């Protein structure tokens, strides 16, 4: 449950427990965030090329951007990217072996020292339902279980029916010839 700044490597230049800072009475207080909670969050990733400084700020969706960033690290991106090189901007995440889904519902990007425009949160799409039908493994487990139980129940009903017929035939009254005549 951490956020890290990684530059061309999986080893973080700087990392921190996920959270955000609030300011009360000129004191900053750290508030933990659980990244796998399913609650919508927003992140600000800003790079100041003049200072070669990268900052990352995180907060719940309904909280305005905190004044103090979660992470700040000296990063010279001009040494990583050449001017004639194509650059991709995006997000990555990892949860190890835990199955999770991550959704980027909106983002704003700007270059050239101009601040990126803020997102209009009212225009963002809704998050998918938690535990909904999008979870293919639980969907598969559910239908395999139902199919197996149905097949087992069908076989039990057929077995009981066959046993009943066999029993009826076995214990049926055998009529002797003399009984038929009289």
C-alpha atoms as a PDB file:
ATOM      1  CA  UNK A   1       0.000   0.000   0.000  1.00  0.00           C
ATOM      2  CA  UNK A   2       2.561   2.516  -1.153  1.00  0.00           C
ATOM      3  CA  UNK A   3       3.198   5.042  -3.901  1.00  0.00           C
ATOM      4  CA  UNK A   4       6.604   5.331  -5.522  1.00  0.00           C
ATOM      5  CA  UNK A   5       8.451   7.407  -8.087  1.00  0.00           C
ATOM      6  CA  UNK A   6      10.161   5.032 -10.511  1.00  0.00           C
ATOM      7  CA  UNK A   7      12.316   6.296 -13.380  1.00  0.00           C
ATOM      8  CA  UNK A   8      13.276   3.681 -15.993  1.00  0.00           C
ATOM      9  CA  UNK A   9      13.564   1.093 -13.225  1.00  0.00           C
ATOM     10  CA  UNK A  10      11.372  -0.844 -10.787  1.00  0.00           C
ATOM     11  CA  UNK A  11      13.453   0.441  -7.897  1.00  0.00           C
ATOM     12  CA  UNK A  12      11.754   3.554  -6.550  1.00  0.00           C
ATOM     13  CA  UNK A  13      13.694   6.816  -6.409  1.00  0.00           C
ATOM     14  CA  UNK A  14      11.382   7.669  -3.522  1.00  0.00           C
ATOM     15  CA  UNK A  15       8.387   5.872  -1.965  1.00  0.00           C
ATOM     16  CA  UNK A  16       5.825   6.522   0.738  1.00  0.00           C
ATOM     17  CA  UNK A  17       2.844   4.897   2.369  1.00  0.00           C
ATOM     18  CA  UNK A  18      -0.257   5.880   0.394  1.00  0.00           C
ATOM     19  CA  UNK A  19      -1.971   8.898   1.918  1.00  0.00           C
ATOM     20  CA  UNK A  20      -2.333  12.650   1.894  1.00  0.00           C
ATOM     21  CA  UNK A  21      -1.587  15.607   4.136  1.00  0.00           C
ATOM     22  CA  UNK A  22      -4.105  17.966   5.682  1.00  0.00           C
ATOM     23  CA  UNK A  23      -3.192  21.314   7.174  1.00  0.00           C
ATOM     24  CA  UNK A  24      -4.707  22.391  10.494  1.00  0.00           C
ATOM     25  CA  UNK A  25      -3.327  25.284  12.511  1.00  0.00           C
ATOM     26  CA  UNK A  26      -0.130  25.405  10.435  1.00  0.00           C
ATOM     27  CA  UNK A  27       0.491  21.714  11.214  1.00  0.00           C
ATOM     28  CA  UNK A  28       0.458  18.996   8.570  1.00  0.00           C
ATOM     29  CA  UNK A  29      -1.213  15.711   9.481  1.00  0.00           C
ATOM     30  CA  UNK A  30      -0.808  12.509   7.480  1.00  0.00           C
ATOM     31  CA  UNK A  31      -3.989  10.622   6.552  1.00  0.00           C
ATOM     32  CA  UNK A  32      -3.604   7.020   5.396  1.00  0.00           C
ATOM     33  CA  UNK A  33      -5.287   5.840   2.203  1.00  0.00           C
ATOM     34  CA  UNK A  34      -5.864   2.199   1.344  1.00  0.00           C
ATOM     35  CA  UNK A  35      -5.305   1.822  -2.383  1.00  0.00           C
ATOM     36  CA  UNK A  36      -7.272  -1.447  -2.614  1.00  0.00           C
ATOM     37  CA  UNK A  37     -10.305  -0.012  -0.785  1.00  0.00           C
ATOM     38  CA  UNK A  38     -12.211   0.526  -4.016  1.00  0.00           C
ATOM     39  CA  UNK A  39     -12.831   4.154  -3.096  1.00  0.00           C
ATOM     40  CA  UNK A  40     -12.217   6.668  -5.897  1.00  0.00           C
ATOM     41  CA  UNK A  41      -9.043   8.734  -5.517  1.00  0.00           C
ATOM     42  CA  UNK A  42      -7.250  11.403  -7.456  1.00  0.00           C
ATOM     43  CA  UNK A  43      -3.555  11.898  -8.064  1.00  0.00           C
ATOM     44  CA  UNK A  44      -1.507  14.862  -9.232  1.00  0.00           C
ATOM     45  CA  UNK A  45       1.834  14.067 -10.878  1.00  0.00           C
ATOM     46  CA  UNK A  46       3.752  17.263 -11.641  1.00  0.00           C
ATOM     47  CA  UNK A  47       7.189  17.803 -13.092  1.00  0.00           C
ATOM     48  CA  UNK A  48       9.084  21.077 -12.888  1.00  0.00           C
ATOM     49  CA  UNK A  49      11.760  20.867 -15.595  1.00  0.00           C
ATOM     50  CA  UNK A  50      13.533  24.028 -14.430  1.00  0.00           C
ATOM     51  CA  UNK A  51      14.031  22.621 -10.936  1.00  0.00           C
ATOM     52  CA  UNK A  52      14.166  18.963 -12.155  1.00  0.00           C
ATOM     53  CA  UNK A  53      11.625  18.128  -9.459  1.00  0.00           C
ATOM     54  CA  UNK A  54       8.828  15.521  -9.636  1.00  0.00           C
ATOM     55  CA  UNK A  55       5.980  15.670  -7.113  1.00  0.00           C
ATOM     56  CA  UNK A  56       3.132  13.247  -6.483  1.00  0.00           C
ATOM     57  CA  UNK A  57       0.045  14.220  -4.513  1.00  0.00           C
ATOM     58  CA  UNK A  58      -2.794  11.836  -3.647  1.00  0.00           C
ATOM     59  CA  UNK A  59      -6.221  12.435  -2.079  1.00  0.00           C
ATOM     60  CA  UNK A  60      -9.746  11.009  -1.966  1.00  0.00           C
ATOM     61  CA  UNK A  61     -11.938  12.190  -4.837  1.00  0.00           C
ATOM     62  CA  UNK A  62     -13.923  14.634  -2.675  1.00  0.00           C
ATOM     63  CA  UNK A  63     -10.830  16.302  -1.145  1.00  0.00           C
ATOM     64  CA  UNK A  64      -9.212  19.292  -2.910  1.00  0.00           C
ATOM     65  CA  UNK A  65      -5.547  19.041  -3.826  1.00  0.00           C
ATOM     66  CA  UNK A  66      -3.461  19.083  -0.635  1.00  0.00           C
ATOM     67  CA  UNK A  67      -0.835  21.817  -0.355  1.00  0.00           C
ATOM     68  CA  UNK A  68       1.887  19.371   0.707  1.00  0.00           C
ATOM     69  CA  UNK A  69       2.631  16.607  -1.831  1.00  0.00           C
ATOM     70  CA  UNK A  70       2.941  12.993  -0.759  1.00  0.00           C
ATOM     71  CA  UNK A  71       6.262  12.607  -2.578  1.00  0.00           C
ATOM     72  CA  UNK A  72       8.814  15.004  -3.971  1.00  0.00           C
ATOM     73  CA  UNK A  73      12.069  13.902  -5.542  1.00  0.00           C
ATOM     74  CA  UNK A  74      14.808  15.435  -7.668  1.00  0.00           C
ATOM     75  CA  UNK A  75      14.465  13.772 -11.070  1.00  0.00           C
ATOM     76  CA  UNK A  76      16.179  14.988 -14.226  1.00  0.00           C
ATOM     77  CA  UNK A  77      13.910  13.643 -16.959  1.00  0.00           C
ATOM     78  CA  UNK A  78      15.978  15.333 -19.681  1.00  0.00           C
ATOM     79  CA  UNK A  79      18.667  12.729 -18.988  1.00  0.00           C
ATOM     80  CA  UNK A  80      16.085   9.975 -19.506  1.00  0.00           C
ATOM     81  CA  UNK A  81      14.368  11.292 -22.665  1.00  0.00           C
ATOM     82  CA  UNK A  82      16.001  12.644 -25.795  1.00  0.00           C
ATOM     83  CA  UNK A  83      14.352  15.512 -27.676  1.00  0.00           C
ATOM     84  CA  UNK A  84      13.882  13.398 -30.811  1.00  0.00           C
ATOM     85  CA  UNK A  85      12.449  10.487 -28.839  1.00  0.00           C
ATOM     86  CA  UNK A  86       8.760   9.572 -28.657  1.00  0.00           C
ATOM     87  CA  UNK A  87       7.553   9.619 -25.042  1.00  0.00           C
ATOM     88  CA  UNK A  88       4.557   7.765 -23.626  1.00  0.00           C
ATOM     89  CA  UNK A  89       2.793   9.090 -20.558  1.00  0.00           C
ATOM     90  CA  UNK A  90       0.642   6.798 -18.435  1.00  0.00           C
ATOM     91  CA  UNK A  91       0.088   4.905 -15.234  1.00  0.00           C
ATOM     92  CA  UNK A  92       1.146   1.535 -13.932  1.00  0.00           C
ATOM     93  CA  UNK A  93       0.292  -0.379 -10.801  1.00  0.00           C
ATOM     94  CA  UNK A  94       0.956  -3.695  -9.170  1.00  0.00           C
ATOM     95  CA  UNK A  95      -0.576  -5.629  -6.319  1.00  0.00           C
ATOM     96  CA  UNK A  96       1.633  -8.703  -6.390  1.00  0.00           C
ATOM     97  CA  UNK A  97      -0.490 -11.852  -6.485  1.00  0.00           C
ATOM     98  CA  UNK A  98      -3.718 -10.175  -5.357  1.00  0.00           C
ATOM     99  CA  UNK A  99      -6.323  -9.946  -8.146  1.00  0.00           C
ATOM    100  CA  UNK A 100      -7.456  -6.332  -8.457  1.00  0.00           C
ATOM    101  CA  UNK A 101      -8.773  -3.891 -11.028  1.00  0.00           C
ATOM    102  CA  UNK A 102      -7.569  -0.324 -11.467  1.00  0.00           C
ATOM    103  CA  UNK A 103      -9.559   2.285 -13.364  1.00  0.00           C
ATOM    104  CA  UNK A 104      -8.350   5.660 -14.618  1.00  0.00           C
ATOM    105  CA  UNK A 105     -11.652   7.511 -14.983  1.00  0.00           C
ATOM    106  CA  UNK A 106     -10.149  10.741 -16.251  1.00  0.00           C
ATOM    107  CA  UNK A 107      -6.920  12.627 -16.518  1.00  0.00           C
ATOM    108  CA  UNK A 108      -5.536  15.938 -17.616  1.00  0.00           C
ATOM    109  CA  UNK A 109      -2.121  16.489 -19.189  1.00  0.00           C
ATOM    110  CA  UNK A 110      -0.221  19.607 -20.209  1.00  0.00           C
ATOM    111  CA  UNK A 111       3.324  20.401 -21.336  1.00  0.00           C
ATOM    112  CA  UNK A 112       5.438  23.505 -21.610  1.00  0.00           C
ATOM    113  CA  UNK A 113       5.245  24.780 -18.041  1.00  0.00           C
ATOM    114  CA  UNK A 114       1.503  25.412 -18.200  1.00  0.00           C
ATOM    115  CA  UNK A 115      -0.627  23.882 -15.444  1.00  0.00           C
ATOM    116  CA  UNK A 116      -2.928  21.102 -16.607  1.00  0.00           C
ATOM    117  CA  UNK A 117      -6.609  22.045 -16.468  1.00  0.00           C
ATOM    118  CA  UNK A 118      -8.494  20.603 -13.487  1.00  0.00           C
ATOM    119  CA  UNK A 119     -10.880  17.717 -14.056  1.00  0.00           C
ATOM    120  CA  UNK A 120     -14.614  18.297 -13.855  1.00  0.00           C
ATOM    121  CA  UNK A 121     -15.402  15.497 -11.394  1.00  0.00           C
ATOM    122  CA  UNK A 122     -19.114  15.611 -12.263  1.00  0.00           C
ATOM    123  CA  UNK A 123     -18.263  14.405 -15.784  1.00  0.00           C
ATOM    124  CA  UNK A 124     -16.310  11.336 -14.667  1.00  0.00           C
ATOM    125  CA  UNK A 125     -17.952   7.952 -15.278  1.00  0.00           C
ATOM    126  CA  UNK A 126     -19.044   5.796 -12.351  1.00  0.00           C
ATOM    127  CA  UNK A 127     -16.872   3.024 -11.026  1.00  0.00           C
ATOM    128  CA  UNK A 128     -18.036  -0.497 -11.935  1.00  0.00           C
ATOM    129  CA  UNK A 129     -19.958  -2.327  -9.204  1.00  0.00           C
ATOM    130  CA  UNK A 130     -17.787  -4.050  -6.613  1.00  0.00           C
ATOM    131  CA  UNK A 131     -17.950  -7.822  -6.941  1.00  0.00           C
ATOM    132  CA  UNK A 132     -20.087  -7.467 -10.050  1.00  0.00           C
ATOM    133  CA  UNK A 133     -20.282  -9.793 -13.005  1.00  0.00           C
ATOM    134  CA  UNK A 134     -17.013  -8.363 -14.355  1.00  0.00           C
ATOM    135  CA  UNK A 135     -15.084 -10.703 -12.072  1.00  0.00           C
ATOM    136  CA  UNK A 136     -14.643 -13.624 -14.483  1.00  0.00           C
ATOM    137  CA  UNK A 137     -13.114 -16.045 -11.957  1.00  0.00           C
ATOM    138  CA  UNK A 138     -16.020 -15.751  -9.497  1.00  0.00           C
ATOM    139  CA  UNK A 139     -18.452 -15.977 -12.427  1.00  0.00           C
ATOM    140  CA  UNK A 140     -16.760 -19.185 -13.616  1.00  0.00           C
ATOM    141  CA  UNK A 141     -16.673 -20.695 -10.124  1.00  0.00           C
ATOM    142  CA  UNK A 142     -20.357 -19.910  -9.616  1.00  0.00           C
ATOM    143  CA  UNK A 143     -21.462 -21.518 -12.884  1.00  0.00           C
ATOM    144  CA  UNK A 144     -19.207 -24.561 -12.525  1.00  0.00           C
ATOM    145  CA  UNK A 145     -20.637 -25.121  -9.025  1.00  0.00           C
ATOM    146  CA  UNK A 146     -24.231 -24.765 -10.228  1.00  0.00           C
ATOM    147  CA  UNK A 147     -23.600 -27.079 -13.206  1.00  0.00           C
ATOM    148  CA  UNK A 148     -21.930 -29.716 -11.038  1.00  0.00           C
ATOM    149  CA  UNK A 149     -24.710 -29.609  -8.435  1.00  0.00           C
ATOM    150  CA  UNK A 150     -27.382 -29.844 -11.156  1.00  0.00           C
ATOM    151  CA  UNK A 151     -25.664 -32.812 -12.821  1.00  0.00           C
ATOM    152  CA  UNK A 152     -25.314 -34.581  -9.461  1.00  0.00           C
ATOM    153  CA  UNK A 153     -28.987 -33.985  -8.620  1.00  0.00           C
ATOM    154  CA  UNK A 154     -30.045 -35.292 -12.055  1.00  0.00           C
ATOM    155  CA  UNK A 155     -27.960 -38.467 -11.573  1.00  0.00           C
ATOM    156  CA  UNK A 156     -29.501 -39.042  -8.118  1.00  0.00           C
ATOM    157  CA  UNK A 157     -33.043 -38.692  -9.533  1.00  0.00           C
ATOM    158  CA  UNK A 158     -32.261 -41.121 -12.390  1.00  0.00           C
ATOM    159  CA  UNK A 159     -30.664 -43.617  -9.971  1.00  0.00           C
ATOM    160  CA  UNK A 160     -33.702 -43.501  -7.652  1.00  0.00           C
ATOM    161  CA  UNK A 161     -36.064 -43.996 -10.615  1.00  0.00           C
ATOM    162  CA  UNK A 162     -34.056 -46.989 -11.931  1.00  0.00           C
ATOM    163  CA  UNK A 163     -33.945 -48.558  -8.457  1.00  0.00           C
ATOM    164  CA  UNK A 164     -37.700 -48.118  -8.069  1.00  0.00           C
ATOM    165  CA  UNK A 165     -38.408 -49.824 -11.409  1.00  0.00           C
ATOM    166  CA  UNK A 166     -35.983 -52.687 -10.687  1.00  0.00           C
ATOM    167  CA  UNK A 167     -37.473 -53.177  -7.229  1.00  0.00           C
ATOM    168  CA  UNK A 168     -40.995 -53.206  -8.628  1.00  0.00           C
ATOM    169  CA  UNK A 169     -40.052 -55.809 -11.214  1.00  0.00           C
ATOM    170  CA  UNK A 170     -38.138 -57.932  -8.697  1.00  0.00           C
ATOM    171  CA  UNK A 171     -40.914 -58.052  -6.141  1.00  0.00           C
ATOM    172  CA  UNK A 172     -43.811 -58.174  -8.568  1.00  0.00           C
ATOM    173  CA  UNK A 173     -46.218 -60.991  -7.803  1.00  0.00           C
ATOM    174  CA  UNK A 174     -45.522 -63.941 -10.062  1.00  0.00           C
ATOM    175  CA  UNK A 175     -48.744 -65.609 -11.159  1.00  0.00           C
ATOM    176  CA  UNK A 176     -48.796 -69.380 -11.525  1.00  0.00           C
ATOM    177  CA  UNK A 177     -50.664 -71.003 -14.444  1.00  0.00           C
ATOM    178  CA  UNK A 178     -53.305 -72.457 -12.163  1.00  0.00           C
ATOM    179  CA  UNK A 179     -53.926 -68.965 -10.667  1.00  0.00           C
ATOM    180  CA  UNK A 180     -54.667 -67.546 -14.085  1.00  0.00           C
ATOM    181  CA  UNK A 181     -57.249 -70.288 -14.823  1.00  0.00           C
ATOM    182  CA  UNK A 182     -59.235 -69.801 -11.608  1.00  0.00           C
END
